[in-house]
Full PDB file with SEQRES, HELIX, SHEET, SSBOND, CRYST1, ORIGX, SCALE, CONECT and MASTER records, all heavy atoms in Angstrom:
SEQRES   1 A   32  GLY LEU VAL GLN ALA GLY GLY SER LEU THR LEU SER CYS          
SEQRES   2 A   32  ALA ALA SER ILE SER SER PHE SER ILE ASN THR LEU GLY          
SEQRES   3 A   32  TRP TYR ARG GLN ALA PRO                                      
CRYST1    1.000    1.000    1.000  90.00  90.00  90.00 P 1           1          
ORIGX1      1.000000  0.000000  0.000000        0.00000                         
ORIGX2      0.000000  1.000000  0.000000        0.00000                         
ORIGX3      0.000000  0.000000  1.000000        0.00000                         
SCALE1      1.000000  0.000000  0.000000        0.00000                         
SCALE2      0.000000  1.000000  0.000000        0.00000                         
SCALE3      0.000000  0.000000  1.000000        0.00000                         
ATOM      1  N   GLY A   1      31.452  14.228  45.218  1.00  0.00           N  
ATOM      2  CA  GLY A   1      30.411  13.855  44.295  1.00  0.00           C  
ATOM      3  C   GLY A   1      29.347  13.016  44.960  1.00  0.00           C  
ATOM      4  O   GLY A   1      29.265  12.924  46.181  1.00  0.00           O  
ATOM      5  N   LEU A   2      28.540  12.397  44.123  1.00  0.00           N  
ATOM      6  CA  LEU A   2      27.446  11.532  44.546  1.00  0.00           C  
ATOM      7  C   LEU A   2      27.807  10.090  44.311  1.00  0.00           C  
ATOM      8  O   LEU A   2      28.260   9.714  43.233  1.00  0.00           O  
ATOM      9  CB  LEU A   2      26.164  11.893  43.809  1.00  0.00           C  
ATOM     10  CG  LEU A   2      24.941  11.033  44.054  1.00  0.00           C  
ATOM     11  CD1 LEU A   2      24.462  11.165  45.487  1.00  0.00           C  
ATOM     12  CD2 LEU A   2      23.822  11.427  43.082  1.00  0.00           C  
ATOM     13  N   VAL A   3      27.630   9.250  45.337  1.00  0.00           N  
ATOM     14  CA  VAL A   3      27.954   7.829  45.215  1.00  0.00           C  
ATOM     15  C   VAL A   3      26.882   7.046  45.992  1.00  0.00           C  
ATOM     16  O   VAL A   3      26.307   7.505  46.955  1.00  0.00           O  
ATOM     17  CB  VAL A   3      29.362   7.572  45.776  1.00  0.00           C  
ATOM     18  CG1 VAL A   3      29.423   7.861  47.267  1.00  0.00           C  
ATOM     19  CG2 VAL A   3      29.803   6.138  45.480  1.00  0.00           C  
ATOM     20  N   GLN A   4      26.654   5.815  45.531  1.00  0.00           N  
ATOM     21  CA  GLN A   4      25.710   4.935  46.204  1.00  0.00           C  
ATOM     22  C   GLN A   4      26.337   4.329  47.457  1.00  0.00           C  
ATOM     23  O   GLN A   4      27.557   4.182  47.552  1.00  0.00           O  
ATOM     24  CB  GLN A   4      25.264   3.817  45.275  1.00  0.00           C  
ATOM     25  CG  GLN A   4      24.463   4.273  44.060  1.00  0.00           C  
ATOM     26  CD  GLN A   4      23.991   3.109  43.216  1.00  0.00           C  
ATOM     27  OE1 GLN A   4      23.922   1.971  43.668  1.00  0.00           O  
ATOM     28  NE2 GLN A   4      23.657   3.394  41.966  1.00  0.00           N  
ATOM     29  N   ALA A   5      25.490   3.997  48.418  1.00  0.00           N  
ATOM     30  CA  ALA A   5      25.962   3.340  49.626  1.00  0.00           C  
ATOM     31  C   ALA A   5      26.790   2.102  49.261  1.00  0.00           C  
ATOM     32  O   ALA A   5      26.393   1.326  48.370  1.00  0.00           O  
ATOM     33  CB  ALA A   5      24.813   2.963  50.520  1.00  0.00           C  
ATOM     34  N   GLY A   6      27.903   1.924  49.962  1.00  0.00           N  
ATOM     35  CA  GLY A   6      28.775   0.818  49.669  1.00  0.00           C  
ATOM     36  C   GLY A   6      29.838   1.116  48.626  1.00  0.00           C  
ATOM     37  O   GLY A   6      30.748   0.318  48.423  1.00  0.00           O  
ATOM     38  N   GLY A   7      29.719   2.248  47.996  1.00  0.00           N  
ATOM     39  CA  GLY A   7      30.658   2.633  46.952  1.00  0.00           C  
ATOM     40  C   GLY A   7      31.927   3.263  47.496  1.00  0.00           C  
ATOM     41  O   GLY A   7      32.128   3.371  48.720  1.00  0.00           O  
ATOM     42  N   SER A   8      32.752   3.680  46.566  1.00  0.00           N  
ATOM     43  CA  SER A   8      34.060   4.259  46.900  1.00  0.00           C  
ATOM     44  C   SER A   8      34.235   5.615  46.249  1.00  0.00           C  
ATOM     45  O   SER A   8      33.652   5.902  45.210  1.00  0.00           O  
ATOM     46  CB  SER A   8      35.200   3.323  46.462  1.00  0.00           C  
ATOM     47  OG  SER A   8      35.105   2.075  47.096  1.00  0.00           O  
ATOM     48  N   LEU A   9      35.066   6.415  46.879  1.00  0.00           N  
ATOM     49  CA  LEU A   9      35.363   7.733  46.371  1.00  0.00           C  
ATOM     50  C   LEU A   9      36.745   8.167  46.916  1.00  0.00           C  
ATOM     51  O   LEU A   9      37.094   7.782  48.045  1.00  0.00           O  
ATOM     52  CB  LEU A   9      34.304   8.721  46.837  1.00  0.00           C  
ATOM     53  CG  LEU A   9      34.071  10.029  46.061  1.00  0.00           C  
ATOM     54  CD1 LEU A   9      33.649   9.740  44.621  1.00  0.00           C  
ATOM     55  CD2 LEU A   9      33.017  10.862  46.778  1.00  0.00           C  
ATOM     56  N   THR A  10      37.470   8.913  46.119  1.00  0.00           N  
ATOM     57  CA  THR A  10      38.777   9.388  46.582  1.00  0.00           C  
ATOM     58  C   THR A  10      38.813  10.905  46.455  1.00  0.00           C  
ATOM     59  O   THR A  10      38.520  11.487  45.426  1.00  0.00           O  
ATOM     60  CB  THR A  10      39.908   8.811  45.722  1.00  0.00           C  
ATOM     61  OG1 THR A  10      39.948   7.372  45.898  1.00  0.00           O  
ATOM     62  CG2 THR A  10      41.258   9.347  46.203  1.00  0.00           C  
ATOM     63  N   LEU A  11      39.165  11.555  47.578  1.00  0.00           N  
ATOM     64  CA  LEU A  11      39.353  12.967  47.619  1.00  0.00           C  
ATOM     65  C   LEU A  11      40.839  13.336  47.506  1.00  0.00           C  
ATOM     66  O   LEU A  11      41.684  12.563  47.931  1.00  0.00           O  
ATOM     67  CB  LEU A  11      38.793  13.570  48.907  1.00  0.00           C  
ATOM     68  CG  LEU A  11      37.345  13.260  49.273  1.00  0.00           C  
ATOM     69  CD1 LEU A  11      36.981  13.949  50.579  1.00  0.00           C  
ATOM     70  CD2 LEU A  11      36.405  13.661  48.169  1.00  0.00           C  
ATOM     71  N   SER A  12      41.111  14.486  46.927  1.00  0.00           N  
ATOM     72  CA  SER A  12      42.485  14.965  46.912  1.00  0.00           C  
ATOM     73  C   SER A  12      42.499  16.419  47.309  1.00  0.00           C  
ATOM     74  O   SER A  12      41.516  17.157  47.133  1.00  0.00           O  
ATOM     75  CB  SER A  12      43.120  14.796  45.522  1.00  0.00           C  
ATOM     76  OG  SER A  12      42.494  15.596  44.564  1.00  0.00           O  
ATOM     77  N   CYS A  13      43.594  16.824  47.881  1.00  0.00           N  
ATOM     78  CA  CYS A  13      43.787  18.216  48.300  1.00  0.00           C  
ATOM     79  C   CYS A  13      45.238  18.594  48.092  1.00  0.00           C  
ATOM     80  O   CYS A  13      46.127  17.957  48.639  1.00  0.00           O  
ATOM     81  CB  CYS A  13      43.408  18.401  49.767  1.00  0.00           C  
ATOM     82  SG  CYS A  13      43.735  20.064  50.382  1.00  0.00           S  
ATOM     83  N   ALA A  14      45.449  19.600  47.286  1.00  0.00           N  
ATOM     84  CA  ALA A  14      46.765  20.137  47.053  1.00  0.00           C  
ATOM     85  C   ALA A  14      46.881  21.466  47.789  1.00  0.00           C  
ATOM     86  O   ALA A  14      46.099  22.372  47.539  1.00  0.00           O  
ATOM     87  CB  ALA A  14      47.038  20.346  45.552  1.00  0.00           C  
ATOM     88  N   ALA A  15      47.810  21.535  48.718  1.00  0.00           N  
ATOM     89  CA  ALA A  15      48.003  22.723  49.531  1.00  0.00           C  
ATOM     90  C   ALA A  15      49.217  23.481  49.037  1.00  0.00           C  
ATOM     91  O   ALA A  15      50.275  22.924  48.783  1.00  0.00           O  
ATOM     92  CB  ALA A  15      48.171  22.353  50.996  1.00  0.00           C  
ATOM     93  N   SER A  16      49.071  24.774  48.908  1.00  0.00           N  
ATOM     94  CA  SER A  16      50.193  25.638  48.552  1.00  0.00           C  
ATOM     95  C   SER A  16      50.293  26.752  49.589  1.00  0.00           C  
ATOM     96  O   SER A  16      49.280  27.225  50.104  1.00  0.00           O  
ATOM     97  CB  SER A  16      50.004  26.226  47.157  1.00  0.00           C  
ATOM     98  OG  SER A  16      48.847  27.015  47.073  1.00  0.00           O  
ATOM     99  N   ILE A  17      51.537  27.132  49.869  1.00  0.00           N  
ATOM    100  CA  ILE A  17      51.729  28.112  50.927  1.00  0.00           C  
ATOM    101  C   ILE A  17      52.781  29.135  50.524  1.00  0.00           C  
ATOM    102  O   ILE A  17      53.594  28.920  49.642  1.00  0.00           O  
ATOM    103  CB  ILE A  17      52.189  27.443  52.254  1.00  0.00           C  
ATOM    104  CG1 ILE A  17      53.589  26.803  52.056  1.00  0.00           C  
ATOM    105  CG2 ILE A  17      51.174  26.421  52.726  1.00  0.00           C  
ATOM    106  CD1 ILE A  17      54.220  26.329  53.355  1.00  0.00           C  
ATOM    107  N   SER A  18      52.713  30.242  51.196  1.00  0.00           N  
ATOM    108  CA  SER A  18      53.815  31.229  51.200  1.00  0.00           C  
ATOM    109  C   SER A  18      54.155  31.519  52.636  1.00  0.00           C  
ATOM    110  O   SER A  18      53.261  31.725  53.470  1.00  0.00           O  
ATOM    111  CB  SER A  18      53.393  32.503  50.448  1.00  0.00           C  
ATOM    112  OG  SER A  18      52.268  33.114  51.033  1.00  0.00           O  
ATOM    113  N   SER A  19      55.424  31.527  52.931  1.00  0.00           N  
ATOM    114  CA  SER A  19      55.977  31.823  54.287  1.00  0.00           C  
ATOM    115  C   SER A  19      55.884  30.632  55.257  1.00  0.00           C  
ATOM    116  O   SER A  19      56.859  30.318  55.894  1.00  0.00           O  
ATOM    117  CB  SER A  19      55.284  33.029  54.916  1.00  0.00           C  
ATOM    118  OG  SER A  19      55.492  34.222  54.115  1.00  0.00           O  
ATOM    119  N   PHE A  20      54.708  30.015  55.315  1.00  0.00           N  
ATOM    120  CA  PHE A  20      54.523  28.893  56.259  1.00  0.00           C  
ATOM    121  C   PHE A  20      55.058  27.576  55.733  1.00  0.00           C  
ATOM    122  O   PHE A  20      55.139  27.348  54.538  1.00  0.00           O  
ATOM    123  CB  PHE A  20      53.058  28.737  56.583  1.00  0.00           C  
ATOM    124  CG  PHE A  20      52.484  29.788  57.518  1.00  0.00           C  
ATOM    125  CD1 PHE A  20      51.104  29.828  57.751  1.00  0.00           C  
ATOM    126  CD2 PHE A  20      53.287  30.721  58.118  1.00  0.00           C  
ATOM    127  CE1 PHE A  20      50.579  30.783  58.594  1.00  0.00           C  
ATOM    128  CE2 PHE A  20      52.777  31.679  58.954  1.00  0.00           C  
ATOM    129  CZ  PHE A  20      51.409  31.709  59.190  1.00  0.00           C  
ATOM    130  N   SER A  21      55.360  26.690  56.661  1.00  0.00           N  
ATOM    131  CA  SER A  21      55.640  25.282  56.377  1.00  0.00           C  
ATOM    132  C   SER A  21      54.463  24.451  56.854  1.00  0.00           C  
ATOM    133  O   SER A  21      53.948  24.683  57.953  1.00  0.00           O  
ATOM    134  CB  SER A  21      56.914  24.824  57.066  1.00  0.00           C  
ATOM    135  OG  SER A  21      58.053  25.536  56.586  1.00  0.00           O  
ATOM    136  N   ILE A  22      54.034  23.494  56.052  1.00  0.00           N  
ATOM    137  CA  ILE A  22      52.887  22.673  56.382  1.00  0.00           C  
ATOM    138  C   ILE A  22      53.341  21.421  57.111  1.00  0.00           C  
ATOM    139  O   ILE A  22      54.136  20.641  56.586  1.00  0.00           O  
ATOM    140  CB  ILE A  22      52.093  22.288  55.134  1.00  0.00           C  
ATOM    141  CG1 ILE A  22      51.519  23.552  54.495  1.00  0.00           C  
ATOM    142  CG2 ILE A  22      50.948  21.323  55.492  1.00  0.00           C  
ATOM    143  CD1 ILE A  22      50.823  23.308  53.176  1.00  0.00           C  
ATOM    144  N   ASN A  23      52.826  21.222  58.303  1.00  0.00           N  
ATOM    145  CA  ASN A  23      53.158  20.057  59.109  1.00  0.00           C  
ATOM    146  C   ASN A  23      52.131  18.919  58.940  1.00  0.00           C  
ATOM    147  O   ASN A  23      52.549  17.760  58.811  1.00  0.00           O  
ATOM    148  CB  ASN A  23      53.221  20.430  60.597  1.00  0.00           C  
ATOM    149  CG  ASN A  23      53.469  19.231  61.498  1.00  0.00           C  
ATOM    150  OD1 ASN A  23      54.438  18.478  61.270  1.00  0.00           O  
ATOM    151  ND2 ASN A  23      52.649  19.062  62.506  1.00  0.00           N  
ATOM    152  N   THR A  24      50.868  19.280  58.894  1.00  0.00           N  
ATOM    153  CA  THR A  24      49.826  18.242  58.870  1.00  0.00           C  
ATOM    154  C   THR A  24      48.812  18.575  57.788  1.00  0.00           C  
ATOM    155  O   THR A  24      48.430  19.738  57.582  1.00  0.00           O  
ATOM    156  CB  THR A  24      49.115  18.195  60.248  1.00  0.00           C  
ATOM    157  OG1 THR A  24      50.065  17.876  61.244  1.00  0.00           O  
ATOM    158  CG2 THR A  24      48.001  17.149  60.233  1.00  0.00           C  
ATOM    159  N   LEU A  25      48.346  17.553  57.078  1.00  0.00           N  
ATOM    160  CA  LEU A  25      47.290  17.693  56.099  1.00  0.00           C  
ATOM    161  C   LEU A  25      46.188  16.663  56.394  1.00  0.00           C  
ATOM    162  O   LEU A  25      46.443  15.614  56.973  1.00  0.00           O  
ATOM    163  CB  LEU A  25      47.820  17.399  54.682  1.00  0.00           C  
ATOM    164  CG  LEU A  25      48.730  18.440  54.072  1.00  0.00           C  
ATOM    165  CD1 LEU A  25      49.359  17.891  52.775  1.00  0.00           C  
ATOM    166  CD2 LEU A  25      47.945  19.702  53.726  1.00  0.00           C  
ATOM    167  N   GLY A  26      44.975  16.986  55.990  1.00  0.00           N  
ATOM    168  CA  GLY A  26      43.908  16.046  56.169  1.00  0.00           C  
ATOM    169  C   GLY A  26      42.553  16.635  55.834  1.00  0.00           C  
ATOM    170  O   GLY A  26      42.431  17.609  55.104  1.00  0.00           O  
ATOM    171  N   TRP A  27      41.519  16.024  56.418  1.00  0.00           N  
ATOM    172  CA  TRP A  27      40.147  16.452  56.192  1.00  0.00           C  
ATOM    173  C   TRP A  27      39.357  16.514  57.482  1.00  0.00           C  
ATOM    174  O   TRP A  27      39.481  15.623  58.340  1.00  0.00           O  
ATOM    175  CB  TRP A  27      39.425  15.516  55.203  1.00  0.00           C  
ATOM    176  CG  TRP A  27      39.688  15.787  53.795  1.00  0.00           C  
ATOM    177  CD1 TRP A  27      38.962  16.557  52.930  1.00  0.00           C  
ATOM    178  CD2 TRP A  27      40.792  15.271  53.030  1.00  0.00           C  
ATOM    179  NE1 TRP A  27      39.541  16.558  51.679  1.00  0.00           N  
ATOM    180  CE2 TRP A  27      40.672  15.771  51.712  1.00  0.00           C  
ATOM    181  CE3 TRP A  27      41.867  14.431  53.318  1.00  0.00           C  
ATOM    182  CZ2 TRP A  27      41.573  15.471  50.694  1.00  0.00           C  
ATOM    183  CZ3 TRP A  27      42.779  14.152  52.317  1.00  0.00           C  
ATOM    184  CH2 TRP A  27      42.621  14.661  51.037  1.00  0.00           C  
ATOM    185  N   TYR A  28      38.541  17.519  57.588  1.00  0.00           N  
ATOM    186  CA  TYR A  28      37.429  17.543  58.490  1.00  0.00           C  
ATOM    187  C   TYR A  28      36.138  17.455  57.666  1.00  0.00           C  
ATOM    188  O   TYR A  28      36.185  17.601  56.412  1.00  0.00           O  
ATOM    189  CB  TYR A  28      37.390  18.872  59.286  1.00  0.00           C  
ATOM    190  CG  TYR A  28      38.372  18.894  60.427  1.00  0.00           C  
ATOM    191  CD1 TYR A  28      39.746  18.888  60.238  1.00  0.00           C  
ATOM    192  CD2 TYR A  28      37.895  19.001  61.757  1.00  0.00           C  
ATOM    193  CE1 TYR A  28      40.615  18.921  61.302  1.00  0.00           C  
ATOM    194  CE2 TYR A  28      38.779  19.048  62.832  1.00  0.00           C  
ATOM    195  CZ  TYR A  28      40.144  19.025  62.572  1.00  0.00           C  
ATOM    196  OH  TYR A  28      41.010  19.077  63.669  1.00  0.00           O  
ATOM    197  N   ARG A  29      35.023  17.192  58.295  1.00  0.00           N  
ATOM    198  CA  ARG A  29      33.761  17.182  57.577  1.00  0.00           C  
ATOM    199  C   ARG A  29      32.699  17.822  58.448  1.00  0.00           C  
ATOM    200  O   ARG A  29      32.800  17.822  59.691  1.00  0.00           O  
ATOM    201  CB  ARG A  29      33.351  15.781  57.155  1.00  0.00           C  
ATOM    202  CG  ARG A  29      32.985  14.838  58.293  1.00  0.00           C  
ATOM    203  CD  ARG A  29      32.689  13.450  57.744  1.00  0.00           C  
ATOM    204  NE  ARG A  29      32.348  12.496  58.784  1.00  0.00           N  
ATOM    205  CZ  ARG A  29      32.203  11.192  58.606  1.00  0.00           C  
ATOM    206  NH1 ARG A  29      32.393  10.680  57.392  1.00  0.00           N  
ATOM    207  NH2 ARG A  29      31.854  10.413  59.621  1.00  0.00           N  
ATOM    208  N   GLN A  30      31.689  18.362  57.792  1.00  0.00           N  
ATOM    209  CA  GLN A  30      30.600  18.995  58.497  1.00  0.00           C  
ATOM    210  C   GLN A  30      29.283  18.697  57.779  1.00  0.00           C  
ATOM    211  O   GLN A  30      29.122  18.981  56.594  1.00  0.00           O  
ATOM    212  CB  GLN A  30      30.785  20.514  58.615  1.00  0.00           C  
ATOM    213  CG  GLN A  30      29.776  21.183  59.493  1.00  0.00           C  
ATOM    214  CD  GLN A  30      30.229  22.540  59.973  1.00  0.00           C  
ATOM    215  OE1 GLN A  30      31.114  23.151  59.359  1.00  0.00           O  
ATOM    216  NE2 GLN A  30      29.649  23.015  61.060  1.00  0.00           N  
ATOM    217  N   ALA A  31      28.376  18.056  58.486  1.00  0.00           N  
ATOM    218  CA  ALA A  31      27.041  17.766  57.997  1.00  0.00           C  
ATOM    219  C   ALA A  31      26.068  18.770  58.536  1.00  0.00           C  
ATOM    220  O   ALA A  31      26.320  19.374  59.585  1.00  0.00           O  
ATOM    221  CB  ALA A  31      26.647  16.332  58.363  1.00  0.00           C  
ATOM    222  N   PRO A  32      24.955  18.983  57.854  1.00  0.00           N  
ATOM    223  CA  PRO A  32      23.953  19.953  58.325  1.00  0.00           C  
ATOM    224  C   PRO A  32      23.531  19.656  59.770  1.00  0.00           C  
ATOM    225  O   PRO A  32      23.184  18.525  60.107  1.00  0.00           O  
ATOM    226  CB  PRO A  32      22.788  19.766  57.373  1.00  0.00           C  
ATOM    227  CG  PRO A  32      23.443  19.261  56.101  1.00  0.00           C  
ATOM    228  CD  PRO A  32      24.541  18.375  56.584  1.00  0.00           C  
TER     229      PRO A  32                                                      
MASTER        0    0    0    0    0    0    0    6  228    1    0    3          
END                                                                             
């Protein structure tokens, strides 16, 4: 979302799989 400088925000990610086991979770980011 949109937040002012100095503010806070929390992201969440729920991963679901078939066949695979998940070892690592996290975030990457990409700016223009």
